[in-house]
Amino acid sequence: MSRERLSPQQWARLELELRKGPLAHGFAHDQRWTLGRIKTLIGRLFHVGYTIEGTSKLLRRHGWSCQVPVRRAIERDEEAIAVWKAHPTLRAQEVSQNTGGRREPGAVPGPGSRRQVPRPV
């Protein structure tokens, strides 16, 4: 295991700054922390250099985990999805039309749906 480069006081400050969110630190494109952004923040705040891998190890060492947000289509039609979920016959017709009556194992057809892939913790 590599040596910790941040003191306990620096780590406490980093956690506080991470909780403020990316926008508070000039990352305006989206509201997600990436390892690259956290690496940059550590460099700005403490003048300490970490690699992306080192940043990941640092966060895991302190109990943080990487999480991938669920992405939804911009064109997602919530009303159409509610109707589709409420009427089982529509689901059966869609499966029949789209796959010739066959359904892939684990697939969930429907507007805006995605097959969930388990991620390691």
PDB file of N, CA and C in Angstrom:
ATOM      1  N   MET A   1       0.847  -1.172   0.000  1.00  0.00           N
ATOM      2  CA  MET A   1       0.000   0.000   0.000  1.00  0.00           C
ATOM      3  C   MET A   1       0.896   1.239   0.000  1.00  0.00           C
ATOM      4  N   SER A   2       0.514   2.229  -0.774  1.00  0.00           N
ATOM      5  CA  SER A   2       1.306   3.451  -0.857  1.00  0.00           C
ATOM      6  C   SER A   2       1.068   4.341   0.363  1.00  0.00           C
ATOM      7  N   ARG A   3       2.017   5.218   0.584  1.00  0.00           N
ATOM      8  CA  ARG A   3       1.954   6.137   1.715  1.00  0.00           C
ATOM      9  C   ARG A   3       0.906   7.224   1.448  1.00  0.00           C
ATOM     10  N   GLU A   4       0.162   7.546   2.464  1.00  0.00           N
ATOM     11  CA  GLU A   4      -0.850   8.605   2.384  1.00  0.00           C
ATOM     12  C   GLU A   4      -0.146   9.961   2.254  1.00  0.00           C
ATOM     13  N   ARG A   5      -0.544  10.747   1.252  1.00  0.00           N
ATOM     14  CA  ARG A   5       0.078  12.062   1.048  1.00  0.00           C
ATOM     15  C   ARG A   5      -0.727  13.203   1.653  1.00  0.00           C
ATOM     16  N   LEU A   6      -1.951  12.920   2.042  1.00  0.00           N
ATOM     17  CA  LEU A   6      -2.781  13.945   2.671  1.00  0.00           C
ATOM     18  C   LEU A   6      -2.840  13.704   4.170  1.00  0.00           C
ATOM     19  N   SER A   7      -2.713  14.775   4.936  1.00  0.00           N
ATOM     20  CA  SER A   7      -2.841  14.665   6.392  1.00  0.00           C
ATOM     21  C   SER A   7      -4.321  14.462   6.732  1.00  0.00           C
ATOM     22  N   PRO A   8      -4.620  14.038   7.951  1.00  0.00           N
ATOM     23  CA  PRO A   8      -6.034  13.902   8.341  1.00  0.00           C
ATOM     24  C   PRO A   8      -6.813  15.217   8.191  1.00  0.00           C
ATOM     25  N   GLN A   9      -6.163  16.350   8.457  1.00  0.00           N
ATOM     26  CA  GLN A   9      -6.834  17.643   8.310  1.00  0.00           C
ATOM     27  C   GLN A   9      -7.113  17.938   6.830  1.00  0.00           C
ATOM     28  N   GLN A  10      -6.143  17.597   5.970  1.00  0.00           N
ATOM     29  CA  GLN A  10      -6.355  17.812   4.536  1.00  0.00           C
ATOM     30  C   GLN A  10      -7.472  16.918   4.011  1.00  0.00           C
ATOM     31  N   TRP A  11      -7.502  15.661   4.470  1.00  0.00           N
ATOM     32  CA  TRP A  11      -8.560  14.753   4.038  1.00  0.00           C
ATOM     33  C   TRP A  11      -9.933  15.274   4.454  1.00  0.00           C
ATOM     34  N   ALA A  12     -10.030  15.782   5.697  1.00  0.00           N
ATOM     35  CA  ALA A  12     -11.310  16.332   6.177  1.00  0.00           C
ATOM     36  C   ALA A  12     -11.727  17.511   5.296  1.00  0.00           C
ATOM     37  N   ARG A  13     -10.777  18.352   4.916  1.00  0.00           N
ATOM     38  CA  ARG A  13     -11.102  19.487   4.049  1.00  0.00           C
ATOM     39  C   ARG A  13     -11.516  19.004   2.669  1.00  0.00           C
ATOM     40  N   LEU A  14     -10.813  17.994   2.146  1.00  0.00           N
ATOM     41  CA  LEU A  14     -11.161  17.462   0.829  1.00  0.00           C
ATOM     42  C   LEU A  14     -12.596  16.926   0.832  1.00  0.00           C
ATOM     43  N   GLU A  15     -12.960  16.178   1.865  1.00  0.00           N
ATOM     44  CA  GLU A  15     -14.331  15.663   1.952  1.00  0.00           C
ATOM     45  C   GLU A  15     -15.345  16.807   1.964  1.00  0.00           C
ATOM     46  N   LEU A  16     -15.046  17.857   2.723  1.00  0.00           N
ATOM     47  CA  LEU A  16     -15.924  19.013   2.790  1.00  0.00           C
ATOM     48  C   LEU A  16     -16.075  19.648   1.403  1.00  0.00           C
ATOM     49  N   GLU A  17     -14.971  19.790   0.695  1.00  0.00           N
ATOM     50  CA  GLU A  17     -15.003  20.396  -0.637  1.00  0.00           C
ATOM     51  C   GLU A  17     -15.741  19.500  -1.636  1.00  0.00           C
ATOM     52  N   LEU A  18     -15.564  18.182  -1.537  1.00  0.00           N
ATOM     53  CA  LEU A  18     -16.269  17.261  -2.435  1.00  0.00           C
ATOM     54  C   LEU A  18     -17.779  17.350  -2.222  1.00  0.00           C
ATOM     55  N   ARG A  19     -18.192  17.521  -0.981  1.00  0.00           N
ATOM     56  CA  ARG A  19     -19.625  17.610  -0.680  1.00  0.00           C
ATOM     57  C   ARG A  19     -20.250  18.892  -1.239  1.00  0.00           C
ATOM     58  N   LYS A  20     -19.437  19.917  -1.476  1.00  0.00           N
ATOM     59  CA  LYS A  20     -19.944  21.164  -2.075  1.00  0.00           C
ATOM     60  C   LYS A  20     -20.333  20.955  -3.539  1.00  0.00           C
ATOM     61  N   GLY A  21     -19.743  19.938  -4.171  1.00  0.00           N
ATOM     62  CA  GLY A  21     -20.084  19.619  -5.549  1.00  0.00           C
ATOM     63  C   GLY A  21     -19.122  20.229  -6.551  1.00  0.00           C
ATOM     64  N   PRO A  22     -19.124  19.689  -7.771  1.00  0.00           N
ATOM     65  CA  PRO A  22     -18.208  20.145  -8.817  1.00  0.00           C
ATOM     66  C   PRO A  22     -18.423  21.600  -9.239  1.00  0.00           C
ATOM     67  N   LEU A  23     -19.664  22.064  -9.233  1.00  0.00           N
ATOM     68  CA  LEU A  23     -19.957  23.426  -9.670  1.00  0.00           C
ATOM     69  C   LEU A  23     -19.230  24.449  -8.796  1.00  0.00           C
ATOM     70  N   ALA A  24     -19.142  24.185  -7.503  1.00  0.00           N
ATOM     71  CA  ALA A  24     -18.469  25.106  -6.581  1.00  0.00           C
ATOM     72  C   ALA A  24     -16.982  25.240  -6.891  1.00  0.00           C
ATOM     73  N   HIS A  25     -16.465  24.312  -7.667  1.00  0.00           N
ATOM     74  CA  HIS A  25     -15.033  24.321  -7.985  1.00  0.00           C
ATOM     75  C   HIS A  25     -14.764  24.566  -9.467  1.00  0.00           C
ATOM     76  N   GLY A  26     -15.770  25.075 -10.174  1.00  0.00           N
ATOM     77  CA  GLY A  26     -15.575  25.489 -11.552  1.00  0.00           C
ATOM     78  C   GLY A  26     -15.817  24.425 -12.606  1.00  0.00           C
ATOM     79  N   PHE A  27     -16.365  23.287 -12.234  1.00  0.00           N
ATOM     80  CA  PHE A  27     -16.680  22.236 -13.201  1.00  0.00           C
ATOM     81  C   PHE A  27     -18.163  22.359 -13.542  1.00  0.00           C
ATOM     82  N   ALA A  28     -18.461  23.101 -14.582  1.00  0.00           N
ATOM     83  CA  ALA A  28     -19.847  23.477 -14.856  1.00  0.00           C
ATOM     84  C   ALA A  28     -20.578  22.552 -15.821  1.00  0.00           C
ATOM     85  N   HIS A  29     -19.896  21.671 -16.529  1.00  0.00           N
ATOM     86  CA  HIS A  29     -20.554  20.891 -17.579  1.00  0.00           C
ATOM     87  C   HIS A  29     -21.568  19.891 -17.042  1.00  0.00           C
ATOM     88  N   ASP A  30     -21.256  19.218 -15.965  1.00  0.00           N
ATOM     89  CA  ASP A  30     -22.222  18.330 -15.317  1.00  0.00           C
ATOM     90  C   ASP A  30     -21.889  18.256 -13.834  1.00  0.00           C
ATOM     91  N   GLN A  31     -22.775  17.675 -13.076  1.00  0.00           N
ATOM     92  CA  GLN A  31     -22.626  17.666 -11.626  1.00  0.00           C
ATOM     93  C   GLN A  31     -22.127  16.329 -11.102  1.00  0.00           C
ATOM     94  N   ARG A  32     -21.098  15.798 -11.758  1.00  0.00           N
ATOM     95  CA  ARG A  32     -20.521  14.525 -11.315  1.00  0.00           C
ATOM     96  C   ARG A  32     -19.052  14.738 -10.997  1.00  0.00           C
ATOM     97  N   TRP A  33     -18.618  14.101  -9.944  1.00  0.00           N
ATOM     98  CA  TRP A  33     -17.189  14.084  -9.643  1.00  0.00           C
ATOM     99  C   TRP A  33     -16.580  12.931 -10.420  1.00  0.00           C
ATOM    100  N   THR A  34     -15.536  13.202 -11.155  1.00  0.00           N
ATOM    101  CA  THR A  34     -14.769  12.148 -11.808  1.00  0.00           C
ATOM    102  C   THR A  34     -13.423  12.069 -11.109  1.00  0.00           C
ATOM    103  N   LEU A  35     -12.712  10.967 -11.315  1.00  0.00           N
ATOM    104  CA  LEU A  35     -11.398  10.845 -10.700  1.00  0.00           C
ATOM    105  C   LEU A  35     -10.466  11.952 -11.187  1.00  0.00           C
ATOM    106  N   GLY A  36     -10.575  12.310 -12.447  1.00  0.00           N
ATOM    107  CA  GLY A  36      -9.750  13.391 -12.985  1.00  0.00           C
ATOM    108  C   GLY A  36     -10.030  14.723 -12.305  1.00  0.00           C
ATOM    109  N   ARG A  37     -11.287  15.000 -12.056  1.00  0.00           N
ATOM    110  CA  ARG A  37     -11.659  16.248 -11.387  1.00  0.00           C
ATOM    111  C   ARG A  37     -11.178  16.263  -9.942  1.00  0.00           C
ATOM    112  N   ILE A  38     -11.313  15.127  -9.259  1.00  0.00           N
ATOM    113  CA  ILE A  38     -10.867  15.051  -7.867  1.00  0.00           C
ATOM    114  C   ILE A  38      -9.349  15.202  -7.801  1.00  0.00           C
ATOM    115  N   LYS A  39      -8.656  14.575  -8.738  1.00  0.00           N
ATOM    116  CA  LYS A  39      -7.195  14.704  -8.834  1.00  0.00           C
ATOM    117  C   LYS A  39      -6.812  16.173  -9.001  1.00  0.00           C
ATOM    118  N   THR A  40      -7.513  16.883  -9.883  1.00  0.00           N
ATOM    119  CA  THR A  40      -7.265  18.299 -10.114  1.00  0.00           C
ATOM    120  C   THR A  40      -7.551  19.117  -8.852  1.00  0.00           C
ATOM    121  N   LEU A  41      -8.651  18.806  -8.168  1.00  0.00           N
ATOM    122  CA  LEU A  41      -9.014  19.518  -6.941  1.00  0.00           C
ATOM    123  C   LEU A  41      -7.938  19.337  -5.872  1.00  0.00           C
ATOM    124  N   ILE A  42      -7.444  18.112  -5.711  1.00  0.00           N
ATOM    125  CA  ILE A  42      -6.384  17.857  -4.726  1.00  0.00           C
ATOM    126  C   ILE A  42      -5.150  18.696  -5.056  1.00  0.00           C
ATOM    127  N   GLY A  43      -4.805  18.740  -6.328  1.00  0.00           N
ATOM    128  CA  GLY A  43      -3.658  19.548  -6.738  1.00  0.00           C
ATOM    129  C   GLY A  43      -3.864  21.028  -6.452  1.00  0.00           C
ATOM    130  N   ARG A  44      -5.063  21.547  -6.736  1.00  0.00           N
ATOM    131  CA  ARG A  44      -5.356  22.970  -6.499  1.00  0.00           C
ATOM    132  C   ARG A  44      -5.334  23.323  -5.014  1.00  0.00           C
ATOM    133  N   LEU A  45      -5.942  22.454  -4.203  1.00  0.00           N
ATOM    134  CA  LEU A  45      -6.081  22.767  -2.776  1.00  0.00           C
ATOM    135  C   LEU A  45      -4.792  22.552  -1.986  1.00  0.00           C
ATOM    136  N   PHE A  46      -4.084  21.460  -2.293  1.00  0.00           N
ATOM    137  CA  PHE A  46      -2.983  21.055  -1.422  1.00  0.00           C
ATOM    138  C   PHE A  46      -1.616  21.014  -2.117  1.00  0.00           C
ATOM    139  N   HIS A  47      -1.594  21.280  -3.431  1.00  0.00           N
ATOM    140  CA  HIS A  47      -0.347  21.217  -4.208  1.00  0.00           C
ATOM    141  C   HIS A  47       0.322  19.856  -4.046  1.00  0.00           C
ATOM    142  N   VAL A  48      -0.504  18.821  -4.097  1.00  0.00           N
ATOM    143  CA  VAL A  48      -0.041  17.435  -3.997  1.00  0.00           C
ATOM    144  C   VAL A  48      -0.479  16.730  -5.269  1.00  0.00           C
ATOM    145  N   GLY A  49       0.441  15.994  -5.888  1.00  0.00           N
ATOM    146  CA  GLY A  49       0.112  15.297  -7.118  1.00  0.00           C
ATOM    147  C   GLY A  49      -0.288  13.856  -6.882  1.00  0.00           C
ATOM    148  N   TYR A  50      -1.418  13.468  -7.460  1.00  0.00           N
ATOM    149  CA  TYR A  50      -1.884  12.081  -7.456  1.00  0.00           C
ATOM    150  C   TYR A  50      -2.131  11.664  -8.901  1.00  0.00           C
ATOM    151  N   THR A  51      -1.970  10.384  -9.177  1.00  0.00           N
ATOM    152  CA  THR A  51      -2.393   9.842 -10.462  1.00  0.00           C
ATOM    153  C   THR A  51      -3.880   9.514 -10.356  1.00  0.00           C
ATOM    154  N   ILE A  52      -4.496   9.198 -11.484  1.00  0.00           N
ATOM    155  CA  ILE A  52      -5.908   8.786 -11.457  1.00  0.00           C
ATOM    156  C   ILE A  52      -6.054   7.537 -10.589  1.00  0.00           C
ATOM    157  N   GLU A  53      -5.165   6.570 -10.792  1.00  0.00           N
ATOM    158  CA  GLU A  53      -5.225   5.340  -9.995  1.00  0.00           C
ATOM    159  C   GLU A  53      -5.002   5.643  -8.519  1.00  0.00           C
ATOM    160  N   GLY A  54      -4.057   6.530  -8.222  1.00  0.00           N
ATOM    161  CA  GLY A  54      -3.788   6.908  -6.830  1.00  0.00           C
ATOM    162  C   GLY A  54      -4.974   7.605  -6.194  1.00  0.00           C
ATOM    163  N   THR A  55      -5.671   8.416  -6.983  1.00  0.00           N
ATOM    164  CA  THR A  55      -6.870   9.096  -6.493  1.00  0.00           C
ATOM    165  C   THR A  55      -7.952   8.071  -6.158  1.00  0.00           C
ATOM    166  N   SER A  56      -8.101   7.076  -7.023  1.00  0.00           N
ATOM    167  CA  SER A  56      -9.083   6.016  -6.777  1.00  0.00           C
ATOM    168  C   SER A  56      -8.749   5.252  -5.494  1.00  0.00           C
ATOM    169  N   LYS A  57      -7.491   4.913  -5.322  1.00  0.00           N
ATOM    170  CA  LYS A  57      -7.076   4.188  -4.111  1.00  0.00           C
ATOM    171  C   LYS A  57      -7.287   5.030  -2.863  1.00  0.00           C
ATOM    172  N   LEU A  58      -6.980   6.320  -2.953  1.00  0.00           N
ATOM    173  CA  LEU A  58      -7.175   7.222  -1.820  1.00  0.00           C
ATOM    174  C   LEU A  58      -8.640   7.235  -1.397  1.00  0.00           C
ATOM    175  N   LEU A  59      -9.525   7.394  -2.361  1.00  0.00           N
ATOM    176  CA  LEU A  59     -10.953   7.453  -2.050  1.00  0.00           C
ATOM    177  C   LEU A  59     -11.446   6.137  -1.455  1.00  0.00           C
ATOM    178  N   ARG A  60     -11.044   5.018  -2.047  1.00  0.00           N
ATOM    179  CA  ARG A  60     -11.471   3.713  -1.513  1.00  0.00           C
ATOM    180  C   ARG A  60     -10.933   3.487  -0.100  1.00  0.00           C
ATOM    181  N   ARG A  61      -9.714   3.937   0.141  1.00  0.00           N
ATOM    182  CA  ARG A  61      -9.102   3.790   1.463  1.00  0.00           C
ATOM    183  C   ARG A  61      -9.924   4.509   2.530  1.00  0.00           C
ATOM    184  N   HIS A  62     -10.586   5.583   2.137  1.00  0.00           N
ATOM    185  CA  HIS A  62     -11.382   6.371   3.082  1.00  0.00           C
ATOM    186  C   HIS A  62     -12.874   6.060   2.992  1.00  0.00           C
ATOM    187  N   GLY A  63     -13.215   4.951   2.343  1.00  0.00           N
ATOM    188  CA  GLY A  63     -14.600   4.491   2.339  1.00  0.00           C
ATOM    189  C   GLY A  63     -15.486   5.050   1.242  1.00  0.00           C
ATOM    190  N   TRP A  64     -14.936   5.758   0.266  1.00  0.00           N
ATOM    191  CA  TRP A  64     -15.720   6.264  -0.853  1.00  0.00           C
ATOM    192  C   TRP A  64     -15.735   5.206  -1.943  1.00  0.00           C
ATOM    193  N   SER A  65     -16.812   5.161  -2.704  1.00  0.00           N
ATOM    194  CA  SER A  65     -16.893   4.205  -3.804  1.00  0.00           C
ATOM    195  C   SER A  65     -17.296   4.932  -5.079  1.00  0.00           C
ATOM    196  N   CYS A  66     -16.887   4.375  -6.200  1.00  0.00           N
ATOM    197  CA  CYS A  66     -17.268   4.931  -7.496  1.00  0.00           C
ATOM    198  C   CYS A  66     -18.696   4.518  -7.797  1.00  0.00           C
ATOM    199  N   GLN A  67     -19.465   5.446  -8.290  1.00  0.00           N
ATOM    200  CA  GLN A  67     -20.833   5.139  -8.650  1.00  0.00           C
ATOM    201  C   GLN A  67     -21.120   5.747 -10.003  1.00  0.00           C
ATOM    202  N   VAL A  68     -21.796   4.991 -10.821  1.00  0.00           N
ATOM    203  CA  VAL A  68     -22.133   5.449 -12.161  1.00  0.00           C
ATOM    204  C   VAL A  68     -23.612   5.825 -12.169  1.00  0.00           C
ATOM    205  N   PRO A  69     -23.927   7.064 -12.498  1.00  0.00           N
ATOM    206  CA  PRO A  69     -25.335   7.455 -12.522  1.00  0.00           C
ATOM    207  C   PRO A  69     -26.079   6.765 -13.653  1.00  0.00           C
ATOM    208  N   VAL A  70     -27.353   6.495 -13.429  1.00  0.00           N
ATOM    209  CA  VAL A  70     -28.187   5.910 -14.463  1.00  0.00           C
ATOM    210  C   VAL A  70     -28.490   7.004 -15.478  1.00  0.00           C
ATOM    211  N   ARG A  71     -28.220   6.720 -16.726  1.00  0.00           N
ATOM    212  CA  ARG A  71     -28.476   7.711 -17.767  1.00  0.00           C
ATOM    213  C   ARG A  71     -29.850   7.463 -18.369  1.00  0.00           C
ATOM    214  N   ARG A  72     -30.529   8.524 -18.623  1.00  0.00           N
ATOM    215  CA  ARG A  72     -31.844   8.428 -19.236  1.00  0.00           C
ATOM    216  C   ARG A  72     -31.854   9.250 -20.509  1.00  0.00           C
ATOM    217  N   ALA A  73     -32.568   8.761 -21.480  1.00  0.00           N
ATOM    218  CA  ALA A  73     -32.650   9.455 -22.764  1.00  0.00           C
ATOM    219  C   ALA A  73     -33.340  10.803 -22.585  1.00  0.00           C
ATOM    220  N   ILE A  74     -32.856  11.794 -23.298  1.00  0.00           N
ATOM    221  CA  ILE A  74     -33.473  13.124 -23.267  1.00  0.00           C
ATOM    222  C   ILE A  74     -34.895  13.041 -23.797  1.00  0.00           C
ATOM    223  N   GLU A  75     -35.104  12.149 -24.767  1.00  0.00           N
ATOM    224  CA  GLU A  75     -36.408  12.012 -25.409  1.00  0.00           C
ATOM    225  C   GLU A  75     -37.373  11.169 -24.587  1.00  0.00           C
ATOM    226  N   ARG A  76     -36.999  10.750 -23.406  1.00  0.00           N
ATOM    227  CA  ARG A  76     -37.799   9.861 -22.580  1.00  0.00           C
ATOM    228  C   ARG A  76     -39.198  10.451 -22.362  1.00  0.00           C
ATOM    229  N   ASP A  77     -40.210   9.651 -22.630  1.00  0.00           N
ATOM    230  CA  ASP A  77     -41.601  10.081 -22.506  1.00  0.00           C
ATOM    231  C   ASP A  77     -42.219   9.351 -21.312  1.00  0.00           C
ATOM    232  N   GLU A  78     -42.263  10.021 -20.167  1.00  0.00           N
ATOM    233  CA  GLU A  78     -42.752   9.406 -18.931  1.00  0.00           C
ATOM    234  C   GLU A  78     -44.209   8.947 -19.041  1.00  0.00           C
ATOM    235  N   GLU A  79     -45.030   9.708 -19.753  1.00  0.00           N
ATOM    236  CA  GLU A  79     -46.438   9.331 -19.908  1.00  0.00           C
ATOM    237  C   GLU A  79     -46.565   8.029 -20.699  1.00  0.00           C
ATOM    238  N   ALA A  80     -45.796   7.903 -21.784  1.00  0.00           N
ATOM    239  CA  ALA A  80     -45.844   6.680 -22.593  1.00  0.00           C
ATOM    240  C   ALA A  80     -45.350   5.483 -21.783  1.00  0.00           C
ATOM    241  N   ILE A  81     -44.370   5.692 -20.962  1.00  0.00           N
ATOM    242  CA  ILE A  81     -43.844   4.605 -20.127  1.00  0.00           C
ATOM    243  C   ILE A  81     -44.891   4.173 -19.110  1.00  0.00           C
ATOM    244  N   ALA A  82     -45.585   5.145 -18.496  1.00  0.00           N
ATOM    245  CA  ALA A  82     -46.633   4.815 -17.514  1.00  0.00           C
ATOM    246  C   ALA A  82     -47.749   4.006 -18.165  1.00  0.00           C
ATOM    247  N   VAL A  83     -48.152   4.395 -19.372  1.00  0.00           N
ATOM    248  CA  VAL A  83     -49.196   3.650 -20.094  1.00  0.00           C
ATOM    249  C   VAL A  83     -48.698   2.249 -20.403  1.00  0.00           C
ATOM    250  N   TRP A  84     -47.470   2.143 -20.886  1.00  0.00           N
ATOM    251  CA  TRP A  84     -46.888   0.852 -21.248  1.00  0.00           C
ATOM    252  C   TRP A  84     -46.824  -0.078 -20.038  1.00  0.00           C
ATOM    253  N   LYS A  85     -46.440   0.466 -18.872  1.00  0.00           N
ATOM    254  CA  LYS A  85     -46.360  -0.353 -17.654  1.00  0.00           C
ATOM    255  C   LYS A  85     -47.742  -0.776 -17.165  1.00  0.00           C
ATOM    256  N   ALA A  86     -48.742   0.082 -17.379  1.00  0.00           N
ATOM    257  CA  ALA A  86     -50.089  -0.199 -16.872  1.00  0.00           C
ATOM    258  C   ALA A  86     -50.841  -1.239 -17.702  1.00  0.00           C
ATOM    259  N   HIS A  87     -50.407  -1.482 -18.941  1.00  0.00           N
ATOM    260  CA  HIS A  87     -51.141  -2.388 -19.819  1.00  0.00           C
ATOM    261  C   HIS A  87     -50.249  -3.541 -20.273  1.00  0.00           C
ATOM    262  N   PRO A  88     -50.369  -4.697 -19.615  1.00  0.00           N
ATOM    263  CA  PRO A  88     -49.538  -5.852 -19.965  1.00  0.00           C
ATOM    264  C   PRO A  88     -49.706  -6.297 -21.422  1.00  0.00           C
ATOM    265  N   THR A  89     -50.879  -6.069 -21.997  1.00  0.00           N
ATOM    266  CA  THR A  89     -51.090  -6.487 -23.389  1.00  0.00           C
ATOM    267  C   THR A  89     -50.210  -5.693 -24.345  1.00  0.00           C
ATOM    268  N   LEU A  90     -49.972  -4.423 -24.051  1.00  0.00           N
ATOM    269  CA  LEU A  90     -49.079  -3.615 -24.883  1.00  0.00           C
ATOM    270  C   LEU A  90     -47.658  -4.178 -24.842  1.00  0.00           C
ATOM    271  N   ARG A  91     -47.226  -4.612 -23.664  1.00  0.00           N
ATOM    272  CA  ARG A  91     -45.877  -5.183 -23.543  1.00  0.00           C
ATOM    273  C   ARG A  91     -45.761  -6.449 -24.371  1.00  0.00           C
ATOM    274  N   ALA A  92     -46.789  -7.309 -24.295  1.00  0.00           N
ATOM    275  CA  ALA A  92     -46.751  -8.567 -25.044  1.00  0.00           C
ATOM    276  C   ALA A  92     -46.749  -8.306 -26.547  1.00  0.00           C
ATOM    277  N   GLN A  93     -47.533  -7.337 -27.002  1.00  0.00           N
ATOM    278  CA  GLN A  93     -47.563  -7.003 -28.423  1.00  0.00           C
ATOM    279  C   GLN A  93     -46.215  -6.469 -28.878  1.00  0.00           C
ATOM    280  N   GLU A  94     -45.587  -5.648 -28.055  1.00  0.00           N
ATOM    281  CA  GLU A  94     -44.292  -5.079 -28.431  1.00  0.00           C
ATOM    282  C   GLU A  94     -43.231  -6.167 -28.559  1.00  0.00           C
ATOM    283  N   VAL A  95     -43.227  -7.112 -27.644  1.00  0.00           N
ATOM    284  CA  VAL A  95     -42.268  -8.213 -27.726  1.00  0.00           C
ATOM    285  C   VAL A  95     -42.493  -8.992 -29.003  1.00  0.00           C
ATOM    286  N   SER A  96     -43.744  -9.260 -29.312  1.00  0.00           N
ATOM    287  CA  SER A  96     -44.071 -10.026 -30.505  1.00  0.00           C
ATOM    288  C   SER A  96     -43.663  -9.284 -31.778  1.00  0.00           C
ATOM    289  N   GLN A  97     -43.913  -7.993 -31.833  1.00  0.00           N
ATOM    290  CA  GLN A  97     -43.585  -7.206 -33.023  1.00  0.00           C
ATOM    291  C   GLN A  97     -42.077  -7.034 -33.200  1.00  0.00           C
ATOM    292  N   ASN A  98     -41.374  -6.770 -32.136  1.00  0.00           N
ATOM    293  CA  ASN A  98     -39.944  -6.455 -32.229  1.00  0.00           C
ATOM    294  C   ASN A  98     -39.045  -7.673 -32.353  1.00  0.00           C
ATOM    295  N   THR A  99     -39.455  -8.792 -31.820  1.00  0.00           N
ATOM    296  CA  THR A  99     -38.558  -9.952 -31.787  1.00  0.00           C
ATOM    297  C   THR A  99     -39.151 -11.187 -32.437  1.00  0.00           C
ATOM    298  N   GLY A 100     -40.280 -11.052 -33.075  1.00  0.00           N
ATOM    299  CA  GLY A 100     -40.919 -12.227 -33.654  1.00  0.00           C
ATOM    300  C   GLY A 100     -41.400 -13.187 -32.586  1.00  0.00           C
ATOM    301  N   GLY A 101     -41.709 -12.653 -31.401  1.00  0.00           N
ATOM    302  CA  GLY A 101     -42.198 -13.486 -30.310  1.00  0.00           C
ATOM    303  C   GLY A 101     -41.105 -13.976 -29.393  1.00  0.00           C
ATOM    304  N   ARG A 102     -39.847 -13.734 -29.752  1.00  0.00           N
ATOM    305  CA  ARG A 102     -38.729 -14.179 -28.894  1.00  0.00           C
ATOM    306  C   ARG A 102     -38.296 -13.029 -27.995  1.00  0.00           C
ATOM    307  N   ARG A 103     -37.876 -13.361 -26.813  1.00  0.00           N
ATOM    308  CA  ARG A 103     -37.357 -12.367 -25.870  1.00  0.00           C
ATOM    309  C   ARG A 103     -35.987 -12.821 -25.417  1.00  0.00           C
ATOM    310  N   GLU A 104     -35.028 -11.889 -25.456  1.00  0.00           N
ATOM    311  CA  GLU A 104     -33.689 -12.221 -24.982  1.00  0.00           C
ATOM    312  C   GLU A 104     -33.736 -12.465 -23.487  1.00  0.00           C
ATOM    313  N   PRO A 105     -32.963 -13.433 -22.992  1.00  0.00           N
ATOM    314  CA  PRO A 105     -32.947 -13.670 -21.546  1.00  0.00           C
ATOM    315  C   PRO A 105     -32.481 -12.418 -20.807  1.00  0.00           C
ATOM    316  N   GLY A 106     -33.260 -11.982 -19.820  1.00  0.00           N
ATOM    317  CA  GLY A 106     -32.901 -10.823 -19.020  1.00  0.00           C
ATOM    318  C   GLY A 106     -33.254  -9.495 -19.636  1.00  0.00           C
ATOM    319  N   ALA A 107     -33.738  -9.491 -20.873  1.00  0.00           N
ATOM    320  CA  ALA A 107     -34.062  -8.230 -21.541  1.00  0.00           C
ATOM    321  C   ALA A 107     -35.400  -7.713 -21.038  1.00  0.00           C
ATOM    322  N   VAL A 108     -35.505  -6.408 -20.939  1.00  0.00           N
ATOM    323  CA  VAL A 108     -36.749  -5.782 -20.531  1.00  0.00           C
ATOM    324  C   VAL A 108     -37.125  -4.800 -21.624  1.00  0.00           C
ATOM    325  N   PRO A 109     -38.041  -5.176 -22.525  1.00  0.00           N
ATOM    326  CA  PRO A 109     -38.403  -4.282 -23.613  1.00  0.00           C
ATOM    327  C   PRO A 109     -39.259  -3.130 -23.117  1.00  0.00           C
ATOM    328  N   GLY A 110     -39.272  -2.068 -23.868  1.00  0.00           N
ATOM    329  CA  GLY A 110     -40.148  -0.957 -23.538  1.00  0.00           C
ATOM    330  C   GLY A 110     -39.473   0.365 -23.762  1.00  0.00           C
ATOM    331  N   PRO A 111     -40.237   1.418 -23.822  1.00  0.00           N
ATOM    332  CA  PRO A 111     -39.669   2.739 -24.070  1.00  0.00           C
ATOM    333  C   PRO A 111     -38.770   3.176 -22.926  1.00  0.00           C
ATOM    334  N   GLY A 112     -37.558   3.576 -23.259  1.00  0.00           N
ATOM    335  CA  GLY A 112     -36.633   4.099 -22.265  1.00  0.00           C
ATOM    336  C   GLY A 112     -36.040   3.075 -21.330  1.00  0.00           C
ATOM    337  N   SER A 113     -36.317   1.786 -21.555  1.00  0.00           N
ATOM    338  CA  SER A 113     -35.799   0.782 -20.615  1.00  0.00           C
ATOM    339  C   SER A 113     -34.396   0.375 -20.995  1.00  0.00           C
ATOM    340  N   ARG A 114     -33.668  -0.115 -20.025  1.00  0.00           N
ATOM    341  CA  ARG A 114     -32.297  -0.581 -20.225  1.00  0.00           C
ATOM    342  C   ARG A 114     -32.084  -1.844 -19.418  1.00  0.00           C
ATOM    343  N   ARG A 115     -31.247  -2.683 -19.925  1.00  0.00           N
ATOM    344  CA  ARG A 115     -30.877  -3.868 -19.175  1.00  0.00           C
ATOM    345  C   ARG A 115     -29.859  -3.454 -18.123  1.00  0.00           C
ATOM    346  N   GLN A 116     -30.117  -3.804 -16.884  1.00  0.00           N
ATOM    347  CA  GLN A 116     -29.233  -3.433 -15.787  1.00  0.00           C
ATOM    348  C   GLN A 116     -28.076  -4.412 -15.715  1.00  0.00           C
ATOM    349  N   VAL A 117     -26.868  -3.883 -15.653  1.00  0.00           N
ATOM    350  CA  VAL A 117     -25.678  -4.708 -15.530  1.00  0.00           C
ATOM    351  C   VAL A 117     -25.098  -4.509 -14.154  1.00  0.00           C
ATOM    352  N   PRO A 118     -24.926  -5.579 -13.371  1.00  0.00           N
ATOM    353  CA  PRO A 118     -24.393  -5.416 -12.021  1.00  0.00           C
ATOM    354  C   PRO A 118     -22.983  -4.865 -12.055  1.00  0.00           C
ATOM    355  N   ARG A 119     -22.660  -3.996 -11.089  1.00  0.00           N
ATOM    356  CA  ARG A 119     -21.331  -3.406 -10.986  1.00  0.00           C
ATOM    357  C   ARG A 119     -20.684  -3.874  -9.690  1.00  0.00           C
ATOM    358  N   PRO A 120     -19.372  -4.110  -9.719  1.00  0.00           N
ATOM    359  CA  PRO A 120     -18.705  -4.456  -8.472  1.00  0.00           C
ATOM    360  C   PRO A 120     -18.697  -3.264  -7.525  1.00  0.00           C
ATOM    361  N   VAL A 121     -18.731  -3.539  -6.249  1.00  0.00           N
ATOM    362  CA  VAL A 121     -18.739  -2.465  -5.246  1.00  0.00           C
ATOM    363  C   VAL A 121     -17.333  -2.135  -4.835  1.00  0.00           C
TER     364      VAL A 121
END
